[in-house]
Amino acid sequence: MQPEDDNSLVNDLDDLTPPQAPPSRIVGRSGADALTTITAQVRAKQQAQAAIDTAVAQARHEGCSWVQIATSLGVSPQGARQKYLARIPA
């Protein structure tokens, strides 16, 4: 069977091509895998924040200024003080 023109050949090929699976199926990940990853990353974020809280408290205990701490955190001195002052044990 000879196609009439290039368009009909393309249409014939399209009919033979199986539909693509969604990207999540292509890489073998399910929704449950993604949710597990989210949960793990939230835990890691919480642990990192606790470590930062401890480091800020230690820096203040050792006499570092809010300007120095803010520079390390990449925030303004006012922002650092507002966020971490209440988290530092007296």
PDB file of N, CA and C in Angstrom:
ATOM      1  N   MET A   1       0.859  -1.189   0.000  1.00  0.00           N
ATOM      2  CA  MET A   1       0.000   0.000   0.000  1.00  0.00           C
ATOM      3  C   MET A   1       0.886   1.227   0.000  1.00  0.00           C
ATOM      4  N   GLN A   2       0.716   2.106  -0.966  1.00  0.00           N
ATOM      5  CA  GLN A   2       1.522   3.306  -1.166  1.00  0.00           C
ATOM      6  C   GLN A   2       0.749   4.515  -0.624  1.00  0.00           C
ATOM      7  N   PRO A   3       1.335   5.314   0.296  1.00  0.00           N
ATOM      8  CA  PRO A   3       0.623   6.510   0.772  1.00  0.00           C
ATOM      9  C   PRO A   3       0.507   7.531  -0.348  1.00  0.00           C
ATOM     10  N   GLU A   4      -0.577   8.324  -0.264  1.00  0.00           N
ATOM     11  CA  GLU A   4      -0.824   9.325  -1.299  1.00  0.00           C
ATOM     12  C   GLU A   4       0.137  10.490  -1.208  1.00  0.00           C
ATOM     13  N   ASP A   5       0.493  10.897  -0.005  1.00  0.00           N
ATOM     14  CA  ASP A   5       1.431  12.011   0.166  1.00  0.00           C
ATOM     15  C   ASP A   5       2.139  11.865   1.510  1.00  0.00           C
ATOM     16  N   ASP A   6       3.017  12.834   1.814  1.00  0.00           N
ATOM     17  CA  ASP A   6       3.781  12.760   3.059  1.00  0.00           C
ATOM     18  C   ASP A   6       2.884  12.819   4.290  1.00  0.00           C
ATOM     19  N   ASN A   7       1.799  13.598   4.229  1.00  0.00           N
ATOM     20  CA  ASN A   7       0.896  13.720   5.378  1.00  0.00           C
ATOM     21  C   ASN A   7       0.259  12.397   5.728  1.00  0.00           C
ATOM     22  N   SER A   8      -0.138  11.629   4.739  1.00  0.00           N
ATOM     23  CA  SER A   8      -0.764  10.355   5.047  1.00  0.00           C
ATOM     24  C   SER A   8       0.258   9.381   5.617  1.00  0.00           C
ATOM     25  N   LEU A   9       1.534   9.494   5.206  1.00  0.00           N
ATOM     26  CA  LEU A   9       2.585   8.657   5.766  1.00  0.00           C
ATOM     27  C   LEU A   9       2.786   8.994   7.241  1.00  0.00           C
ATOM     28  N   VAL A  10       2.811  10.268   7.562  1.00  0.00           N
ATOM     29  CA  VAL A  10       2.948  10.701   8.957  1.00  0.00           C
ATOM     30  C   VAL A  10       1.761  10.201   9.766  1.00  0.00           C
ATOM     31  N   ASN A  11       0.566  10.316   9.239  1.00  0.00           N
ATOM     32  CA  ASN A  11      -0.623   9.834   9.948  1.00  0.00           C
ATOM     33  C   ASN A  11      -0.542   8.339  10.187  1.00  0.00           C
ATOM     34  N   ASP A  12      -0.066   7.587   9.201  1.00  0.00           N
ATOM     35  CA  ASP A  12       0.080   6.145   9.369  1.00  0.00           C
ATOM     36  C   ASP A  12       1.085   5.824  10.470  1.00  0.00           C
ATOM     37  N   LEU A  13       2.188   6.573  10.531  1.00  0.00           N
ATOM     38  CA  LEU A  13       3.188   6.360  11.578  1.00  0.00           C
ATOM     39  C   LEU A  13       2.650   6.725  12.955  1.00  0.00           C
ATOM     40  N   ASP A  14       1.864   7.800  13.031  1.00  0.00           N
ATOM     41  CA  ASP A  14       1.267   8.195  14.308  1.00  0.00           C
ATOM     42  C   ASP A  14       0.379   7.093  14.850  1.00  0.00           C
ATOM     43  N   ASP A  15      -0.327   6.408  13.964  1.00  0.00           N
ATOM     44  CA  ASP A  15      -1.198   5.324  14.395  1.00  0.00           C
ATOM     45  C   ASP A  15      -0.403   4.159  14.978  1.00  0.00           C
ATOM     46  N   LEU A  16       0.852   3.992  14.569  1.00  0.00           N
ATOM     47  CA  LEU A  16       1.676   2.886  15.030  1.00  0.00           C
ATOM     48  C   LEU A  16       2.450   3.206  16.308  1.00  0.00           C
ATOM     49  N   THR A  17       2.572   4.485  16.660  1.00  0.00           N
ATOM     50  CA  THR A  17       3.349   4.905  17.824  1.00  0.00           C
ATOM     51  C   THR A  17       2.492   4.767  19.079  1.00  0.00           C
ATOM     52  N   PRO A  18       2.957   3.989  20.075  1.00  0.00           N
ATOM     53  CA  PRO A  18       2.165   3.869  21.304  1.00  0.00           C
ATOM     54  C   PRO A  18       2.175   5.181  22.066  1.00  0.00           C
ATOM     55  N   PRO A  19       1.122   5.468  22.817  1.00  0.00           N
ATOM     56  CA  PRO A  19       1.098   6.712  23.600  1.00  0.00           C
ATOM     57  C   PRO A  19       2.176   6.675  24.677  1.00  0.00           C
ATOM     58  N   GLN A  20       2.731   7.837  24.981  1.00  0.00           N
ATOM     59  CA  GLN A  20       3.764   7.946  26.013  1.00  0.00           C
ATOM     60  C   GLN A  20       3.118   7.869  27.392  1.00  0.00           C
ATOM     61  N   ALA A  21       3.784   7.196  28.293  1.00  0.00           N
ATOM     62  CA  ALA A  21       3.329   7.161  29.682  1.00  0.00           C
ATOM     63  C   ALA A  21       3.649   8.494  30.334  1.00  0.00           C
ATOM     64  N   PRO A  22       2.912   8.865  31.392  1.00  0.00           N
ATOM     65  CA  PRO A  22       3.246  10.101  32.118  1.00  0.00           C
ATOM     66  C   PRO A  22       4.682  10.021  32.630  1.00  0.00           C
ATOM     67  N   PRO A  23       5.362  11.164  32.792  1.00  0.00           N
ATOM     68  CA  PRO A  23       6.759  11.159  33.232  1.00  0.00           C
ATOM     69  C   PRO A  23       7.001  10.364  34.508  1.00  0.00           C
ATOM     70  N   SER A  24       6.078  10.400  35.475  1.00  0.00           N
ATOM     71  CA  SER A  24       6.297   9.676  36.727  1.00  0.00           C
ATOM     72  C   SER A  24       6.396   8.175  36.486  1.00  0.00           C
ATOM     73  N   ARG A  25       5.704   7.693  35.505  1.00  0.00           N
ATOM     74  CA  ARG A  25       5.773   6.257  35.214  1.00  0.00           C
ATOM     75  C   ARG A  25       7.036   5.918  34.443  1.00  0.00           C
ATOM     76  N   ILE A  26       7.511   6.842  33.657  1.00  0.00           N
ATOM     77  CA  ILE A  26       8.710   6.590  32.867  1.00  0.00           C
ATOM     78  C   ILE A  26       9.902   6.382  33.790  1.00  0.00           C
ATOM     79  N   VAL A  27      10.018   7.180  34.833  1.00  0.00           N
ATOM     80  CA  VAL A  27      11.154   7.069  35.735  1.00  0.00           C
ATOM     81  C   VAL A  27      10.888   6.093  36.875  1.00  0.00           C
ATOM     82  N   GLY A  28       9.728   5.481  36.908  1.00  0.00           N
ATOM     83  CA  GLY A  28       9.443   4.459  37.894  1.00  0.00           C
ATOM     84  C   GLY A  28       9.106   4.987  39.279  1.00  0.00           C
ATOM     85  N   ARG A  29       8.668   6.203  39.382  1.00  0.00           N
ATOM     86  CA  ARG A  29       8.318   6.771  40.691  1.00  0.00           C
ATOM     87  C   ARG A  29       6.810   6.863  40.802  1.00  0.00           C
ATOM     88  N   SER A  30       6.328   6.540  41.952  1.00  0.00           N
ATOM     89  CA  SER A  30       4.896   6.660  42.191  1.00  0.00           C
ATOM     90  C   SER A  30       4.649   7.843  43.118  1.00  0.00           C
ATOM     91  N   GLY A  31       3.395   8.169  43.302  1.00  0.00           N
ATOM     92  CA  GLY A  31       3.042   9.244  44.219  1.00  0.00           C
ATOM     93  C   GLY A  31       3.532   8.970  45.621  1.00  0.00           C
ATOM     94  N   ALA A  32       3.510   7.697  46.027  1.00  0.00           N
ATOM     95  CA  ALA A  32       3.969   7.332  47.366  1.00  0.00           C
ATOM     96  C   ALA A  32       5.452   7.634  47.523  1.00  0.00           C
ATOM     97  N   ASP A  33       6.236   7.374  46.478  1.00  0.00           N
ATOM     98  CA  ASP A  33       7.665   7.688  46.530  1.00  0.00           C
ATOM     99  C   ASP A  33       7.886   9.186  46.716  1.00  0.00           C
ATOM    100  N   ALA A  34       7.137   9.985  45.995  1.00  0.00           N
ATOM    101  CA  ALA A  34       7.278  11.438  46.092  1.00  0.00           C
ATOM    102  C   ALA A  34       6.885  11.920  47.484  1.00  0.00           C
ATOM    103  N   LEU A  35       5.832  11.355  48.052  1.00  0.00           N
ATOM    104  CA  LEU A  35       5.395  11.756  49.388  1.00  0.00           C
ATOM    105  C   LEU A  35       6.424  11.351  50.440  1.00  0.00           C
ATOM    106  N   THR A  36       7.029  10.196  50.268  1.00  0.00           N
ATOM    107  CA  THR A  36       8.092   9.762  51.182  1.00  0.00           C
ATOM    108  C   THR A  36       9.258  10.726  51.124  1.00  0.00           C
ATOM    109  N   THR A  37       9.604  11.174  49.916  1.00  0.00           N
ATOM    110  CA  THR A  37      10.680  12.138  49.745  1.00  0.00           C
ATOM    111  C   THR A  37      10.346  13.454  50.430  1.00  0.00           C
ATOM    112  N   ILE A  38       9.111  13.911  50.280  1.00  0.00           N
ATOM    113  CA  ILE A  38       8.692  15.161  50.938  1.00  0.00           C
ATOM    114  C   ILE A  38       8.833  15.031  52.448  1.00  0.00           C
ATOM    115  N   THR A  39       8.339  13.937  53.013  1.00  0.00           N
ATOM    116  CA  THR A  39       8.415  13.720  54.460  1.00  0.00           C
ATOM    117  C   THR A  39       9.865  13.720  54.935  1.00  0.00           C
ATOM    118  N   ALA A  40      10.739  13.048  54.200  1.00  0.00           N
ATOM    119  CA  ALA A  40      12.149  13.002  54.570  1.00  0.00           C
ATOM    120  C   ALA A  40      12.785  14.384  54.507  1.00  0.00           C
ATOM    121  N   GLN A  41      12.434  15.169  53.499  1.00  0.00           N
ATOM    122  CA  GLN A  41      13.008  16.507  53.362  1.00  0.00           C
ATOM    123  C   GLN A  41      12.497  17.445  54.446  1.00  0.00           C
ATOM    124  N   VAL A  42      11.246  17.295  54.851  1.00  0.00           N
ATOM    125  CA  VAL A  42      10.716  18.114  55.947  1.00  0.00           C
ATOM    126  C   VAL A  42      11.470  17.797  57.234  1.00  0.00           C
ATOM    127  N   ARG A  43      11.717  16.505  57.487  1.00  0.00           N
ATOM    128  CA  ARG A  43      12.496  16.118  58.670  1.00  0.00           C
ATOM    129  C   ARG A  43      13.901  16.704  58.613  1.00  0.00           C
ATOM    130  N   ALA A  44      14.517  16.627  57.448  1.00  0.00           N
ATOM    131  CA  ALA A  44      15.869  17.171  57.294  1.00  0.00           C
ATOM    132  C   ALA A  44      15.877  18.680  57.528  1.00  0.00           C
ATOM    133  N   LYS A  45      14.846  19.349  57.037  1.00  0.00           N
ATOM    134  CA  LYS A  45      14.733  20.800  57.234  1.00  0.00           C
ATOM    135  C   LYS A  45      14.590  21.125  58.721  1.00  0.00           C
ATOM    136  N   GLN A  46      13.776  20.343  59.436  1.00  0.00           N
ATOM    137  CA  GLN A  46      13.590  20.567  60.868  1.00  0.00           C
ATOM    138  C   GLN A  46      14.891  20.339  61.633  1.00  0.00           C
ATOM    139  N   GLN A  47      15.630  19.307  61.248  1.00  0.00           N
ATOM    140  CA  GLN A  47      16.913  19.030  61.903  1.00  0.00           C
ATOM    141  C   GLN A  47      17.915  20.139  61.614  1.00  0.00           C
ATOM    142  N   ALA A  48      17.920  20.615  60.378  1.00  0.00           N
ATOM    143  CA  ALA A  48      18.828  21.708  60.025  1.00  0.00           C
ATOM    144  C   ALA A  48      18.475  22.968  60.804  1.00  0.00           C
ATOM    145  N   GLN A  49      17.176  23.254  60.944  1.00  0.00           N
ATOM    146  CA  GLN A  49      16.766  24.442  61.689  1.00  0.00           C
ATOM    147  C   GLN A  49      17.164  24.326  63.154  1.00  0.00           C
ATOM    148  N   ALA A  50      17.021  23.138  63.733  1.00  0.00           N
ATOM    149  CA  ALA A  50      17.433  22.933  65.123  1.00  0.00           C
ATOM    150  C   ALA A  50      18.936  23.151  65.281  1.00  0.00           C
ATOM    151  N   ALA A  51      19.710  22.705  64.296  1.00  0.00           N
ATOM    152  CA  ALA A  51      21.162  22.906  64.339  1.00  0.00           C
ATOM    153  C   ALA A  51      21.510  24.388  64.221  1.00  0.00           C
ATOM    154  N   ILE A  52      20.791  25.110  63.395  1.00  0.00           N
ATOM    155  CA  ILE A  52      21.017  26.557  63.254  1.00  0.00           C
ATOM    156  C   ILE A  52      20.652  27.263  64.555  1.00  0.00           C
ATOM    157  N   ASP A  53      19.517  26.882  65.157  1.00  0.00           N
ATOM    158  CA  ASP A  53      19.109  27.473  66.434  1.00  0.00           C
ATOM    159  C   ASP A  53      20.213  27.294  67.477  1.00  0.00           C
ATOM    160  N   THR A  54      20.774  26.095  67.548  1.00  0.00           N
ATOM    161  CA  THR A  54      21.843  25.803  68.501  1.00  0.00           C
ATOM    162  C   THR A  54      23.089  26.636  68.206  1.00  0.00           C
ATOM    163  N   ALA A  55      23.445  26.746  66.938  1.00  0.00           N
ATOM    164  CA  ALA A  55      24.632  27.520  66.559  1.00  0.00           C
ATOM    165  C   ALA A  55      24.452  29.001  66.871  1.00  0.00           C
ATOM    166  N   VAL A  56      23.259  29.530  66.635  1.00  0.00           N
ATOM    167  CA  VAL A  56      22.992  30.939  66.947  1.00  0.00           C
ATOM    168  C   VAL A  56      23.091  31.161  68.459  1.00  0.00           C
ATOM    169  N   ALA A  57      22.504  30.249  69.234  1.00  0.00           N
ATOM    170  CA  ALA A  57      22.584  30.371  70.694  1.00  0.00           C
ATOM    171  C   ALA A  57      24.043  30.317  71.152  1.00  0.00           C
ATOM    172  N   GLN A  58      24.820  29.410  70.571  1.00  0.00           N
ATOM    173  CA  GLN A  58      26.239  29.306  70.928  1.00  0.00           C
ATOM    174  C   GLN A  58      26.996  30.573  70.550  1.00  0.00           C
ATOM    175  N   ALA A  59      26.709  31.106  69.370  1.00  0.00           N
ATOM    176  CA  ALA A  59      27.379  32.338  68.929  1.00  0.00           C
ATOM    177  C   ALA A  59      27.070  33.490  69.880  1.00  0.00           C
ATOM    178  N   ARG A  60      25.821  33.608  70.279  1.00  0.00           N
ATOM    179  CA  ARG A  60      25.460  34.679  71.224  1.00  0.00           C
ATOM    180  C   ARG A  60      26.146  34.456  72.565  1.00  0.00           C
ATOM    181  N   HIS A  61      26.175  33.207  73.026  1.00  0.00           N
ATOM    182  CA  HIS A  61      26.823  32.874  74.298  1.00  0.00           C
ATOM    183  C   HIS A  61      28.308  33.229  74.254  1.00  0.00           C
ATOM    184  N   GLU A  62      28.918  33.088  73.081  1.00  0.00           N
ATOM    185  CA  GLU A  62      30.345  33.386  72.920  1.00  0.00           C
ATOM    186  C   GLU A  62      30.606  34.860  72.618  1.00  0.00           C
ATOM    187  N   GLY A  63      29.528  35.676  72.599  1.00  0.00           N
ATOM    188  CA  GLY A  63      29.697  37.115  72.459  1.00  0.00           C
ATOM    189  C   GLY A  63      29.577  37.672  71.047  1.00  0.00           C
ATOM    190  N   CYS A  64      29.157  36.872  70.100  1.00  0.00           N
ATOM    191  CA  CYS A  64      28.972  37.380  68.733  1.00  0.00           C
ATOM    192  C   CYS A  64      27.788  38.347  68.694  1.00  0.00           C
ATOM    193  N   SER A  65      27.910  39.369  67.876  1.00  0.00           N
ATOM    194  CA  SER A  65      26.839  40.358  67.744  1.00  0.00           C
ATOM    195  C   SER A  65      25.766  39.840  66.786  1.00  0.00           C
ATOM    196  N   TRP A  66      24.607  40.488  66.862  1.00  0.00           N
ATOM    197  CA  TRP A  66      23.532  40.142  65.919  1.00  0.00           C
ATOM    198  C   TRP A  66      23.933  40.463  64.485  1.00  0.00           C
ATOM    199  N   VAL A  67      24.776  41.471  64.298  1.00  0.00           N
ATOM    200  CA  VAL A  67      25.260  41.807  62.951  1.00  0.00           C
ATOM    201  C   VAL A  67      26.100  40.648  62.405  1.00  0.00           C
ATOM    202  N   GLN A  68      26.994  40.112  63.223  1.00  0.00           N
ATOM    203  CA  GLN A  68      27.826  38.984  62.789  1.00  0.00           C
ATOM    204  C   GLN A  68      26.975  37.745  62.484  1.00  0.00           C
ATOM    205  N   ILE A  69      26.036  37.465  63.369  1.00  0.00           N
ATOM    206  CA  ILE A  69      25.164  36.300  63.179  1.00  0.00           C
ATOM    207  C   ILE A  69      24.312  36.480  61.931  1.00  0.00           C
ATOM    208  N   ALA A  70      23.757  37.673  61.765  1.00  0.00           N
ATOM    209  CA  ALA A  70      22.918  37.951  60.600  1.00  0.00           C
ATOM    210  C   ALA A  70      23.693  37.773  59.302  1.00  0.00           C
ATOM    211  N   THR A  71      24.943  38.208  59.311  1.00  0.00           N
ATOM    212  CA  THR A  71      25.790  38.048  58.119  1.00  0.00           C
ATOM    213  C   THR A  71      25.953  36.567  57.782  1.00  0.00           C
ATOM    214  N   SER A  72      26.187  35.744  58.785  1.00  0.00           N
ATOM    215  CA  SER A  72      26.321  34.300  58.564  1.00  0.00           C
ATOM    216  C   SER A  72      25.022  33.676  58.079  1.00  0.00           C
ATOM    217  N   LEU A  73      23.904  34.194  58.565  1.00  0.00           N
ATOM    218  CA  LEU A  73      22.594  33.665  58.169  1.00  0.00           C
ATOM    219  C   LEU A  73      22.128  34.210  56.814  1.00  0.00           C
ATOM    220  N   GLY A  74      22.718  35.314  56.388  1.00  0.00           N
ATOM    221  CA  GLY A  74      22.287  35.933  55.135  1.00  0.00           C
ATOM    222  C   GLY A  74      20.992  36.705  55.268  1.00  0.00           C
ATOM    223  N   VAL A  75      20.778  37.264  56.469  1.00  0.00           N
ATOM    224  CA  VAL A  75      19.568  38.062  56.732  1.00  0.00           C
ATOM    225  C   VAL A  75      19.980  39.373  57.386  1.00  0.00           C
ATOM    226  N   SER A  76      19.010  40.236  57.615  1.00  0.00           N
ATOM    227  CA  SER A  76      19.302  41.504  58.288  1.00  0.00           C
ATOM    228  C   SER A  76      19.504  41.246  59.783  1.00  0.00           C
ATOM    229  N   PRO A  77      20.258  42.133  60.455  1.00  0.00           N
ATOM    230  CA  PRO A  77      20.421  41.981  61.905  1.00  0.00           C
ATOM    231  C   PRO A  77      19.078  41.986  62.646  1.00  0.00           C
ATOM    232  N   GLN A  78      18.178  42.874  62.217  1.00  0.00           N
ATOM    233  CA  GLN A  78      16.862  42.929  62.857  1.00  0.00           C
ATOM    234  C   GLN A  78      16.117  41.615  62.655  1.00  0.00           C
ATOM    235  N   GLY A  79      16.176  41.073  61.441  1.00  0.00           N
ATOM    236  CA  GLY A  79      15.492  39.807  61.156  1.00  0.00           C
ATOM    237  C   GLY A  79      16.062  38.660  61.976  1.00  0.00           C
ATOM    238  N   ALA A  80      17.380  38.615  62.093  1.00  0.00           N
ATOM    239  CA  ALA A  80      18.025  37.556  62.882  1.00  0.00           C
ATOM    240  C   ALA A  80      17.612  37.655  64.345  1.00  0.00           C
ATOM    241  N   ARG A  81      17.664  38.866  64.866  1.00  0.00           N
ATOM    242  CA  ARG A  81      17.308  39.069  66.281  1.00  0.00           C
ATOM    243  C   ARG A  81      15.854  38.687  66.534  1.00  0.00           C
ATOM    244  N   GLN A  82      14.958  39.147  65.662  1.00  0.00           N
ATOM    245  CA  GLN A  82      13.535  38.846  65.846  1.00  0.00           C
ATOM    246  C   GLN A  82      13.260  37.346  65.788  1.00  0.00           C
ATOM    247  N   LYS A  83      13.928  36.655  64.879  1.00  0.00           N
ATOM    248  CA  LYS A  83      13.659  35.224  64.721  1.00  0.00           C
ATOM    249  C   LYS A  83      14.282  34.393  65.830  1.00  0.00           C
ATOM    250  N   TYR A  84      15.506  34.729  66.235  1.00  0.00           N
ATOM    251  CA  TYR A  84      16.248  33.820  67.112  1.00  0.00           C
ATOM    252  C   TYR A  84      16.297  34.233  68.584  1.00  0.00           C
ATOM    253  N   LEU A  85      16.011  35.473  68.911  1.00  0.00           N
ATOM    254  CA  LEU A  85      16.114  35.909  70.305  1.00  0.00           C
ATOM    255  C   LEU A  85      15.252  35.060  71.235  1.00  0.00           C
ATOM    256  N   ALA A  86      14.023  34.799  70.836  1.00  0.00           N
ATOM    257  CA  ALA A  86      13.117  34.017  71.677  1.00  0.00           C
ATOM    258  C   ALA A  86      13.513  32.535  71.741  1.00  0.00           C
ATOM    259  N   ARG A  87      14.314  32.082  70.793  1.00  0.00           N
ATOM    260  CA  ARG A  87      14.712  30.668  70.751  1.00  0.00           C
ATOM    261  C   ARG A  87      15.948  30.396  71.606  1.00  0.00           C
ATOM    262  N   ILE A  88      16.609  31.467  72.070  1.00  0.00           N
ATOM    263  CA  ILE A  88      17.831  31.300  72.845  1.00  0.00           C
ATOM    264  C   ILE A  88      17.469  31.176  74.317  1.00  0.00           C
ATOM    265  N   PRO A  89      17.908  30.079  74.955  1.00  0.00           N
ATOM    266  CA  PRO A  89      17.613  29.940  76.387  1.00  0.00           C
ATOM    267  C   PRO A  89      18.292  31.040  77.191  1.00  0.00           C
ATOM    268  N   ALA A  90      17.618  31.488  78.211  1.00  0.00           N
ATOM    269  CA  ALA A  90      18.154  32.571  79.049  1.00  0.00           C
ATOM    270  C   ALA A  90      19.258  32.098  79.942  1.00  0.00           C
TER     271      ALA A  90
END
